[in-house]
């Protein structure tokens, strides 16, 4: 068992199976480091495998092979499948700032989003609009549009997408709150991402929730990039619902089970519209009664999740020490990046210098204020409509630095506090600089 820690120099990377440079096909690395771990800065897209998750999975496969159906009730490791969600819901609840009854481990992000919108989106002639950030994750946009159509509304009229001011990359808190105050009576649902997937902006969740509730709006959150990344207090903030996936910062693996939050205030008034066997009272679930008896709260909506990773979260003290370490790592990466001679501070090349406009460069579109972001830094490559991003991305991959690309011109780099190190930040910045140095020697524009 790991000790709780406050010392930022303590590194947990040995708890994780990080691919080696050779594993990921890094072609431009010295042979002596080919079998060393790569510089993995892509936990915002897929968290790496924990050693204990691998061991837990092997145990469950053994139980399946030796106990079969009896594993539901007689489990040699004390994790009876009938109650398997009980191993993760307390940990998930702590991560999002909720009680256990307010949280359910189930489904996928988009399926859960549809369930929540079916329960909470009740448009009327006067109040039917859905307010979200512009350029929300596409799956969310598709869900919002389909829910609007299901209720007979034109998505172009029902969905309001807030976009940053001209020349800016992220939304201002004041603009969001002013808009809610002005248009609140026409808004049925306010739903933002906790952390915006593209820019990495951490929205002011408490302030937005408070503003939405003051106008009589339902307030929900997509926490795909927030859970396990930033501290939250959904219950105290008064959010109505939230949904998330688990394969990013929670490290559950591809296809990992998602989750949802429903505030306790809805416990007795919100009967699940889509009843299912596993949402039935566990005391009589296997008696198979003909009538549905819902579990109160979120768990009444119809698994082993990333138990190994969640155990690590718990053992290191959850989000308070992890947030402290995250701030250090992301600030270190940022500090090194802005020292680059290719860094463009204001996000645009000098308009008065024609030669400068054609030079390769990058800026950071994630907020510079640490309180307005999580672990992720999104790098926008310049000039626009060039092949700079693609060329740099390929060069980083060849040197064993794993980020992810968002075409046409953004690379996201994420030093996750559970397994990344200051050395990862240093190497990523160094390799980025080398990629640009190589770029200036060839014509790519």
Protein backbone atom coordinates (compact mmCIF):
# COMPACT_ATOMS: atom_id res chain seq x y z
CA UNK A 1 0.00 0.00 0.00
CA UNK A 2 1.32 3.42 -0.96
CA UNK A 3 1.72 6.13 1.69
CA UNK A 4 -0.20 9.34 1.33
CA UNK A 5 2.18 12.00 0.19
CA UNK A 6 2.65 15.73 0.04
CA UNK A 7 6.22 15.68 -1.20
CA UNK A 8 6.09 16.68 -4.86
CA UNK A 9 9.30 14.82 -5.60
CA UNK A 10 7.64 11.47 -4.92
CA UNK A 11 6.94 9.79 -8.23
CA UNK A 12 4.35 7.09 -8.73
CA UNK A 13 5.35 6.11 -12.23
CA UNK A 14 6.53 2.69 -11.05
CA UNK A 15 2.87 1.88 -10.41
CA UNK A 16 2.19 2.21 -14.15
CA UNK A 17 3.17 0.28 -17.24
CA UNK A 18 4.47 3.02 -19.52
CA UNK A 19 5.36 1.86 -23.05
CA UNK A 20 9.03 1.99 -23.98
CA UNK A 21 10.45 4.02 -26.84
CA UNK A 22 10.85 0.78 -28.75
CA UNK A 23 7.25 -0.25 -28.01
CA UNK A 24 5.82 2.88 -29.61
CA UNK A 25 8.13 2.74 -32.63
CA UNK A 26 10.26 5.77 -31.78
CA UNK A 27 12.78 5.73 -34.60
CA UNK A 28 15.13 8.52 -33.60
CA UNK A 29 16.33 7.54 -30.15
CA UNK A 30 19.75 6.22 -29.14
CA UNK A 31 19.81 2.44 -28.74
CA UNK A 32 20.78 2.79 -25.08
CA UNK A 33 17.41 4.37 -24.27
CA UNK A 34 15.26 2.39 -26.71
CA UNK A 35 13.94 0.18 -23.93
CA UNK A 36 13.38 3.01 -21.47
CA UNK A 37 9.89 4.37 -20.91
CA UNK A 38 8.71 6.83 -23.50
CA UNK A 39 7.68 10.37 -22.61
CA UNK A 40 3.96 9.72 -22.30
CA UNK A 41 2.00 12.97 -22.21
CA UNK A 42 -1.27 11.65 -23.56
CA UNK A 43 -3.24 10.71 -20.44
CA UNK A 44 -5.87 13.24 -21.49
CA UNK A 45 -6.74 10.80 -24.28
CA UNK A 46 -5.93 7.39 -22.76
CA UNK A 47 -4.40 6.74 -19.37
CA UNK A 48 -1.74 4.02 -19.16
CA UNK A 49 -2.26 0.63 -17.54
CA UNK A 50 -1.54 0.29 -13.83
CA UNK A 51 0.30 -2.79 -12.66
CA UNK A 52 -2.33 -3.53 -10.06
CA UNK A 53 -5.15 -3.23 -12.62
CA UNK A 54 -3.38 -5.86 -14.70
CA UNK A 55 -3.11 -8.08 -11.62
CA UNK A 56 -6.77 -7.51 -10.69
CA UNK A 57 -7.88 -8.37 -14.20
CA UNK A 58 -5.86 -11.59 -14.12
CA UNK A 59 -7.50 -12.44 -10.79
CA UNK A 60 -10.98 -11.86 -12.22
CA UNK A 61 -10.21 -14.03 -15.24
CA UNK A 62 -9.08 -16.76 -12.84
CA UNK A 63 -12.32 -16.45 -10.88
CA UNK A 64 -14.34 -16.59 -14.08
CA UNK A 65 -12.47 -19.71 -15.15
CA UNK A 66 -12.71 -21.49 -11.78
CA UNK A 67 -16.02 -20.27 -10.32
CA UNK A 68 -18.05 -19.24 -13.39
CA UNK A 69 -21.51 -18.01 -12.31
CA UNK A 70 -20.72 -18.61 -8.64
CA UNK A 71 -18.38 -15.63 -8.81
CA UNK A 72 -21.45 -13.44 -8.41
CA UNK A 73 -21.90 -14.71 -4.85
CA UNK A 74 -18.73 -16.58 -3.80
CA UNK A 75 -15.58 -14.72 -4.80
CA UNK A 76 -12.20 -15.90 -3.46
CA UNK A 77 -10.93 -12.31 -3.32
CA UNK A 78 -14.04 -10.86 -1.68
CA UNK A 79 -15.19 -8.93 -4.75
CA UNK A 80 -18.50 -10.68 -5.44
CA UNK A 81 -19.70 -9.59 -8.84
CA UNK A 82 -23.18 -8.95 -7.51
CA UNK A 83 -21.77 -6.04 -5.50
CA UNK A 84 -18.76 -5.20 -7.66
CA UNK A 85 -19.78 -1.56 -8.14
CA UNK A 86 -19.45 -1.09 -4.38
CA UNK A 87 -15.67 -1.27 -4.80
CA UNK A 88 -15.56 1.82 -7.01
CA UNK A 89 -18.51 4.10 -6.21
CA UNK A 90 -17.02 5.38 -2.92
CA UNK A 91 -13.82 6.33 -4.72
CA UNK A 92 -15.64 7.97 -7.63
CA UNK A 93 -17.83 9.90 -5.21
CA UNK A 94 -14.78 11.27 -3.44
CA UNK A 95 -13.20 12.35 -6.72
CA UNK A 96 -16.23 14.40 -7.79
CA UNK A 97 -17.22 15.66 -4.35
CA UNK A 98 -20.42 13.70 -3.81
CA UNK A 99 -22.01 11.09 -1.58
CA UNK A 100 -21.95 7.44 -2.65
CA UNK A 101 -25.69 7.43 -3.41
CA UNK A 102 -25.22 10.34 -5.80
CA UNK A 103 -22.81 8.38 -8.01
CA UNK A 104 -23.20 5.37 -10.28
CA UNK A 105 -20.53 3.46 -12.17
CA UNK A 106 -22.21 2.52 -15.43
CA UNK A 107 -22.43 2.85 -19.19
CA UNK A 108 -20.49 5.18 -21.42
CA UNK A 109 -20.27 8.95 -21.43
CA UNK A 110 -22.66 9.57 -24.33
CA UNK A 111 -25.16 6.90 -23.27
CA UNK A 112 -25.18 8.40 -19.79
CA UNK A 113 -25.55 11.89 -21.26
CA UNK A 114 -28.66 10.78 -23.14
CA UNK A 115 -30.07 9.20 -19.97
CA UNK A 116 -29.51 12.38 -18.02
CA UNK A 117 -30.97 14.61 -20.72
CA UNK A 118 -33.98 12.33 -20.99
CA UNK A 119 -34.50 12.81 -17.26
CA UNK A 120 -33.64 16.50 -16.93
CA UNK A 121 -34.22 18.22 -20.27
CA UNK A 122 -37.90 19.18 -20.09
CA UNK A 123 -38.28 22.00 -22.60
CA UNK A 124 -41.30 24.30 -22.70
CA UNK A 125 -42.40 26.91 -25.19
CA UNK A 126 -40.74 29.64 -23.14
CA UNK A 127 -37.76 27.64 -21.82
CA UNK A 128 -36.27 25.22 -24.33
CA UNK A 129 -32.70 26.26 -25.08
CA UNK A 130 -29.49 24.35 -24.30
CA UNK A 131 -26.44 26.47 -23.47
CA UNK A 132 -22.98 24.93 -24.00
CA UNK A 133 -19.50 26.01 -25.01
CA UNK A 134 -18.73 26.36 -28.69
CA UNK A 135 -16.73 23.51 -30.12
CA UNK A 136 -17.77 21.10 -27.40
CA UNK A 137 -16.64 17.53 -27.92
CA UNK A 138 -18.45 16.30 -31.08
CA UNK A 139 -20.27 13.47 -29.29
CA UNK A 140 -21.80 16.01 -26.91
CA UNK A 141 -22.83 18.21 -29.82
CA UNK A 142 -24.50 15.25 -31.52
CA UNK A 143 -26.34 14.35 -28.30
CA UNK A 144 -27.57 17.91 -27.75
CA UNK A 145 -28.84 18.15 -31.32
CA UNK A 146 -30.58 14.79 -31.23
CA UNK A 147 -32.28 15.56 -27.91
CA UNK A 148 -33.52 18.89 -29.26
CA UNK A 149 -34.95 17.16 -32.33
CA UNK A 150 -36.59 14.46 -30.20
CA UNK A 151 -38.51 17.22 -28.45
CA UNK A 152 -39.54 18.84 -31.72
CA UNK A 153 -37.06 21.70 -31.79
CA UNK A 154 -34.67 22.82 -34.48
CA UNK A 155 -31.14 22.44 -33.04
CA UNK A 156 -30.13 25.68 -34.76
CA UNK A 157 -32.67 27.48 -32.60
CA UNK A 158 -32.50 25.39 -29.45
CA UNK A 159 -28.73 25.10 -28.97
CA UNK A 160 -26.68 28.15 -28.00
CA UNK A 161 -22.93 27.72 -28.38
CA UNK A 162 -20.84 30.31 -26.58
CA UNK A 163 -17.59 31.13 -28.36
CA UNK A 164 -14.57 33.15 -27.22
CA UNK A 165 -14.29 36.77 -28.21
CA UNK A 166 -12.65 37.50 -31.54
CA UNK A 167 -8.91 36.95 -31.30
CA UNK A 168 -9.19 34.95 -28.06
CA UNK A 169 -8.99 31.21 -27.53
CA UNK A 170 -10.99 30.67 -24.33
CA UNK A 171 -14.23 31.93 -22.81
CA UNK A 172 -14.24 34.67 -20.21
CA UNK A 173 -16.06 33.85 -16.99
CA UNK A 174 -17.80 37.22 -17.02
CA UNK A 175 -19.16 36.61 -20.52
CA UNK A 176 -20.63 33.24 -19.50
CA UNK A 177 -22.24 34.58 -16.33
CA UNK A 178 -23.59 37.70 -18.07
CA UNK A 179 -25.13 35.60 -20.82
CA UNK A 180 -26.83 33.27 -18.34
CA UNK A 181 -28.20 36.25 -16.42
CA UNK A 182 -29.55 37.82 -19.60
CA UNK A 183 -30.93 34.76 -21.38
CA UNK A 184 -31.68 32.52 -18.38
CA UNK A 185 -35.50 32.56 -18.69
CA UNK A 186 -35.23 30.94 -22.13
CA UNK A 187 -32.61 28.34 -21.14
CA UNK A 188 -33.74 24.89 -20.02
CA UNK A 189 -30.30 23.31 -19.63
CA UNK A 190 -26.82 24.73 -19.04
CA UNK A 191 -24.22 22.07 -19.79
CA UNK A 192 -20.52 22.74 -20.18
CA UNK A 193 -17.42 20.56 -20.07
CA UNK A 194 -15.64 20.71 -16.73
CA UNK A 195 -12.36 20.97 -18.64
CA UNK A 196 -12.63 21.79 -22.33
CA UNK A 197 -11.10 18.96 -24.35
CA UNK A 198 -9.55 21.16 -27.09
CA UNK A 199 -8.22 24.19 -25.24
CA UNK A 200 -7.78 22.64 -21.80
CA UNK A 201 -9.74 25.48 -20.15
CA UNK A 202 -11.12 24.59 -16.72
CA UNK A 203 -14.45 26.35 -16.61
CA UNK A 204 -15.50 28.12 -13.38
CA UNK A 205 -17.82 25.27 -12.45
CA UNK A 206 -19.15 26.59 -9.17
CA UNK A 207 -19.86 30.05 -10.56
CA UNK A 208 -21.62 28.70 -13.65
CA UNK A 209 -23.70 26.29 -11.58
CA UNK A 210 -24.74 29.05 -9.19
CA UNK A 211 -25.66 31.37 -12.06
CA UNK A 212 -27.67 28.69 -13.84
CA UNK A 213 -29.59 27.70 -10.70
CA UNK A 214 -30.38 31.38 -9.97
CA UNK A 215 -32.15 31.54 -13.34
CA UNK A 216 -34.11 28.34 -12.81
CA UNK A 217 -32.01 26.33 -15.28
CA UNK A 218 -30.95 22.72 -14.92
CA UNK A 219 -27.14 22.55 -14.76
CA UNK A 220 -25.20 19.50 -15.92
CA UNK A 221 -21.53 18.79 -16.58
CA UNK A 222 -19.46 16.63 -18.91
CA UNK A 223 -16.51 15.62 -16.75
CA UNK A 224 -14.61 13.51 -19.30
CA UNK A 225 -11.51 15.71 -18.95
CA UNK A 226 -12.15 16.87 -15.39
CA UNK A 227 -12.54 13.75 -13.25
CA UNK A 228 -9.17 12.70 -11.87
CA UNK A 229 -7.70 15.93 -13.22
CA UNK A 230 -9.10 18.76 -11.09
CA UNK A 231 -10.75 18.88 -7.65
CA UNK A 232 -14.56 19.17 -7.62
CA UNK A 233 -17.43 19.50 -5.16
CA UNK A 234 -20.52 18.70 -7.22
CA UNK A 235 -22.83 18.19 -4.24
CA UNK A 236 -21.87 21.42 -2.48
CA UNK A 237 -22.02 23.37 -5.73
CA UNK A 238 -25.57 22.15 -6.36
CA UNK A 239 -25.02 20.70 -9.83
CA UNK A 240 -28.02 18.68 -10.97
CA UNK A 241 -26.13 15.99 -12.84
CA UNK A 242 -22.81 15.08 -14.40
CA UNK A 243 -21.47 12.34 -16.66
CA UNK A 244 -17.97 11.08 -17.40
CA UNK A 245 -15.83 8.43 -19.02
CA UNK A 246 -13.00 6.68 -17.17
CA UNK A 247 -10.30 5.88 -19.69
CA UNK A 248 -8.52 9.23 -19.54
CA UNK A 249 -7.30 10.46 -16.14
CA UNK A 250 -8.89 7.49 -14.33
CA UNK A 251 -6.79 5.03 -16.38
CA UNK A 252 -9.49 2.38 -16.82
CA UNK A 253 -8.42 1.37 -20.33
CA UNK A 254 -10.18 1.53 -23.72
CA UNK A 255 -13.86 0.70 -23.31
CA UNK A 256 -13.75 1.38 -19.57
CA UNK A 257 -17.09 1.86 -17.84
CA UNK A 258 -18.23 5.45 -17.38
CA UNK A 259 -20.24 7.03 -14.60
CA UNK A 260 -22.77 9.64 -13.61
CA UNK A 261 -23.78 11.93 -10.76
CA UNK A 262 -27.31 12.92 -9.75
CA UNK A 263 -27.69 15.38 -6.87
CA UNK A 264 -29.37 14.07 -3.73
CA UNK A 265 -32.13 16.67 -4.03
CA UNK A 266 -33.56 14.61 -6.90
CA UNK A 267 -33.47 11.34 -4.98
CA UNK A 268 -37.21 11.05 -4.33
CA UNK A 269 -38.60 13.09 -7.19
CA UNK A 270 -36.72 11.74 -10.19
CA UNK A 271 -37.82 8.19 -10.96
CA UNK A 272 -35.58 6.64 -13.63
CA UNK A 273 -37.43 6.64 -16.92
CA UNK A 274 -35.45 3.72 -18.24
CA UNK A 275 -35.67 1.11 -15.54
CA UNK A 276 -33.39 -1.90 -15.60
CA UNK A 277 -32.57 -4.94 -13.50
CA UNK A 278 -29.33 -3.59 -12.05
CA UNK A 279 -31.07 -0.39 -10.99
CA UNK A 280 -33.47 -2.43 -8.84
CA UNK A 281 -33.14 -2.59 -5.06
CA UNK A 282 -30.33 -5.13 -4.47
CA UNK A 283 -32.18 -6.60 -1.49
CA UNK A 284 -34.78 -8.11 -3.83
CA UNK A 285 -32.93 -7.96 -7.16
CA UNK A 286 -32.42 -11.71 -7.44
CA UNK A 287 -35.97 -12.45 -6.24
CA UNK A 288 -37.03 -11.14 -9.68
CA UNK A 289 -40.17 -9.26 -8.57
CA UNK A 290 -42.51 -8.14 -11.37
CA UNK A 291 -42.41 -4.46 -10.36
CA UNK A 292 -39.35 -2.24 -10.47
CA UNK A 293 -38.13 -0.88 -7.13
CA UNK A 294 -35.53 1.76 -7.90
CA UNK A 295 -32.39 2.26 -5.85
CA UNK A 296 -32.65 5.84 -4.54
CA UNK A 297 -30.39 8.30 -6.28
CA UNK A 298 -27.97 7.86 -9.15
CA UNK A 299 -27.61 4.10 -8.74
CA UNK A 300 -31.26 3.63 -9.70
CA UNK A 301 -30.35 4.35 -13.30
CA UNK A 302 -29.65 1.34 -15.44
CA UNK A 303 -18.69 -3.92 -13.50
CA UNK A 304 -15.35 -3.80 -12.52
CA UNK A 305 -13.96 -0.42 -13.43
CA UNK A 306 -10.45 0.93 -13.02
CA UNK A 307 -10.25 -0.31 -9.43
CA UNK A 308 -6.46 -0.53 -9.50
CA UNK A 309 -6.05 3.09 -10.58
CA UNK A 310 -8.74 4.32 -8.19
CA UNK A 311 -6.97 2.59 -5.32
CA UNK A 312 -3.86 4.59 -6.16
CA UNK A 313 -5.87 7.83 -6.13
CA UNK A 314 -7.12 6.94 -2.65
CA UNK A 315 -3.75 5.89 -1.29
CA UNK A 316 -2.00 9.09 -2.32
CA UNK A 317 -4.69 11.27 -0.74
CA UNK A 318 -7.01 11.95 -3.69
CA UNK A 319 -7.06 15.28 -5.50
CA UNK A 320 -5.49 17.69 -3.01
CA UNK A 321 -1.89 16.41 -3.26
CA UNK A 322 -2.39 15.38 -6.88
CA UNK A 323 -3.57 18.86 -7.81
CA UNK A 324 -0.51 20.33 -6.10
CA UNK A 325 1.76 18.06 -8.10
CA UNK A 326 -0.20 18.75 -11.29
CA UNK A 327 0.32 22.48 -10.89
CA UNK A 328 4.05 21.96 -10.54
CA UNK A 329 4.37 19.67 -13.56
CA UNK A 330 2.23 21.74 -15.92
CA UNK A 331 3.91 24.96 -14.83
CA UNK A 332 7.32 23.38 -15.43
CA UNK A 333 6.33 22.29 -18.93
CA UNK A 334 4.87 25.71 -19.66
CA UNK A 335 7.95 27.53 -18.37
CA UNK A 336 10.20 25.52 -20.66
CA UNK A 337 7.93 25.95 -23.67
CA UNK A 338 7.68 29.73 -23.40
CA UNK A 339 11.48 29.99 -23.40
CA UNK A 340 11.57 28.52 -26.89
CA UNK A 341 12.67 30.89 -29.63
CA UNK A 342 9.71 29.52 -31.63
CA UNK A 343 7.14 30.49 -29.03
CA UNK A 344 4.75 33.26 -30.11
CA UNK A 345 3.37 35.00 -26.99
CA UNK A 346 0.22 36.58 -28.39
CA UNK A 347 -0.78 33.71 -30.65
CA UNK A 348 -0.13 35.54 -33.92
CA UNK A 349 3.02 36.24 -35.85
CA UNK A 350 4.01 39.87 -36.23
CA UNK A 351 1.55 41.28 -38.76
CA UNK A 352 3.94 44.10 -39.58
CA UNK A 353 6.72 41.72 -40.51
CA UNK A 354 5.92 39.77 -43.67
CA UNK A 355 8.94 37.52 -43.25
CA UNK A 356 7.99 36.73 -39.64
CA UNK A 357 4.46 35.69 -40.66
CA UNK A 358 5.83 32.74 -42.62
CA UNK A 359 8.11 31.44 -39.88
CA UNK A 360 7.14 28.26 -38.04
CA UNK A 361 6.11 28.81 -34.44
CA UNK A 362 3.59 27.89 -31.77
CA UNK A 363 1.54 29.44 -29.02
CA UNK A 364 -0.30 28.03 -26.01
CA UNK A 365 -4.07 28.40 -26.16
CA UNK A 366 -4.71 26.91 -22.72
CA UNK A 367 -5.25 29.61 -20.06
CA UNK A 368 -2.02 30.82 -18.46
CA UNK A 369 -3.77 31.13 -15.09
CA UNK A 370 -3.22 27.77 -13.32
CA UNK A 371 -6.64 28.08 -11.65
CA UNK A 372 -8.29 28.06 -15.09
CA UNK A 373 -6.76 24.83 -16.37
CA UNK A 374 -6.01 21.24 -15.44
CA UNK A 375 -2.94 19.27 -16.48
CA UNK A 376 -3.24 19.80 -20.21
CA UNK A 377 -1.49 22.35 -22.41
CA UNK A 378 -2.79 22.79 -25.95
CA UNK A 379 -0.22 24.06 -28.44
CA UNK A 380 -1.44 25.88 -31.55
CA UNK A 381 1.04 25.78 -34.44
CA UNK A 382 1.71 28.62 -36.83
CA UNK A 383 1.38 29.83 -39.46
CA UNK A 384 -2.19 28.71 -40.18
CA UNK A 385 -2.83 26.46 -43.17
CA UNK A 386 0.67 25.01 -43.04
CA UNK A 387 2.06 21.57 -42.33
CA UNK A 388 3.96 22.69 -39.23
CA UNK A 389 1.83 20.79 -36.71
CA UNK A 390 1.94 17.52 -38.62
CA UNK A 391 5.69 17.73 -39.15
CA UNK A 392 6.38 18.54 -35.49
CA UNK A 393 4.01 15.83 -34.29
CA UNK A 394 5.80 13.21 -36.38
CA UNK A 395 9.16 14.41 -35.10
CA UNK A 396 7.98 14.17 -31.48
CA UNK A 397 6.67 10.65 -32.06
CA UNK A 398 9.96 9.62 -33.62
CA UNK A 399 11.81 10.75 -30.49
CA UNK A 400 9.45 8.97 -28.09
CA UNK A 401 7.29 11.91 -26.99
CA UNK A 402 3.64 10.88 -27.06
CA UNK A 403 1.03 13.63 -27.23
CA UNK A 404 -2.01 13.79 -29.45
CA UNK A 405 -2.90 15.85 -32.46
CA UNK A 406 -6.11 17.75 -33.17
CA UNK A 407 -6.09 18.66 -36.83
CA UNK A 408 -5.41 20.99 -38.37
CA UNK A 409 -2.95 22.69 -36.01
CA UNK A 410 -3.11 21.66 -32.32
CA UNK A 411 -1.05 19.22 -30.25
CA UNK A 412 -2.12 18.47 -26.67
CA UNK A 413 0.54 17.63 -24.08
CA UNK A 414 -0.53 16.49 -20.62
CA UNK A 415 1.83 15.85 -17.71
CA UNK A 416 -0.43 13.73 -15.48
CA UNK A 417 0.53 13.83 -11.79
CA UNK A 418 0.11 10.11 -11.10
CA UNK A 419 2.88 9.00 -13.43
CA UNK A 420 4.65 11.88 -15.18
CA UNK A 421 7.84 13.50 -13.93
CA UNK A 422 9.72 16.77 -14.21
CA UNK A 423 12.10 14.89 -16.49
CA UNK A 424 9.20 14.17 -18.85
CA UNK A 425 8.46 17.89 -19.04
CA UNK A 426 12.11 18.72 -19.72
CA UNK A 427 12.46 16.09 -22.42
CA UNK A 428 9.20 17.04 -24.16
CA UNK A 429 10.21 20.69 -24.37
CA UNK A 430 13.69 19.76 -25.59
CA UNK A 431 12.36 17.45 -28.28
CA UNK A 432 9.88 20.09 -29.41
CA UNK A 433 12.71 22.57 -29.79
CA UNK A 434 14.74 20.04 -31.78
CA UNK A 435 11.73 19.40 -34.01
CA UNK A 436 11.47 23.10 -34.81
CA UNK A 437 15.19 23.40 -35.39
CA UNK A 438 14.94 20.61 -37.92
CA UNK A 439 11.85 22.21 -39.41
CA UNK A 440 13.65 25.47 -40.19
CA UNK A 441 16.20 23.57 -42.28
CA UNK A 442 13.60 22.36 -44.77
CA UNK A 443 10.83 24.07 -46.70
CA UNK A 444 7.41 22.84 -45.59
CA UNK A 445 5.14 25.78 -46.22
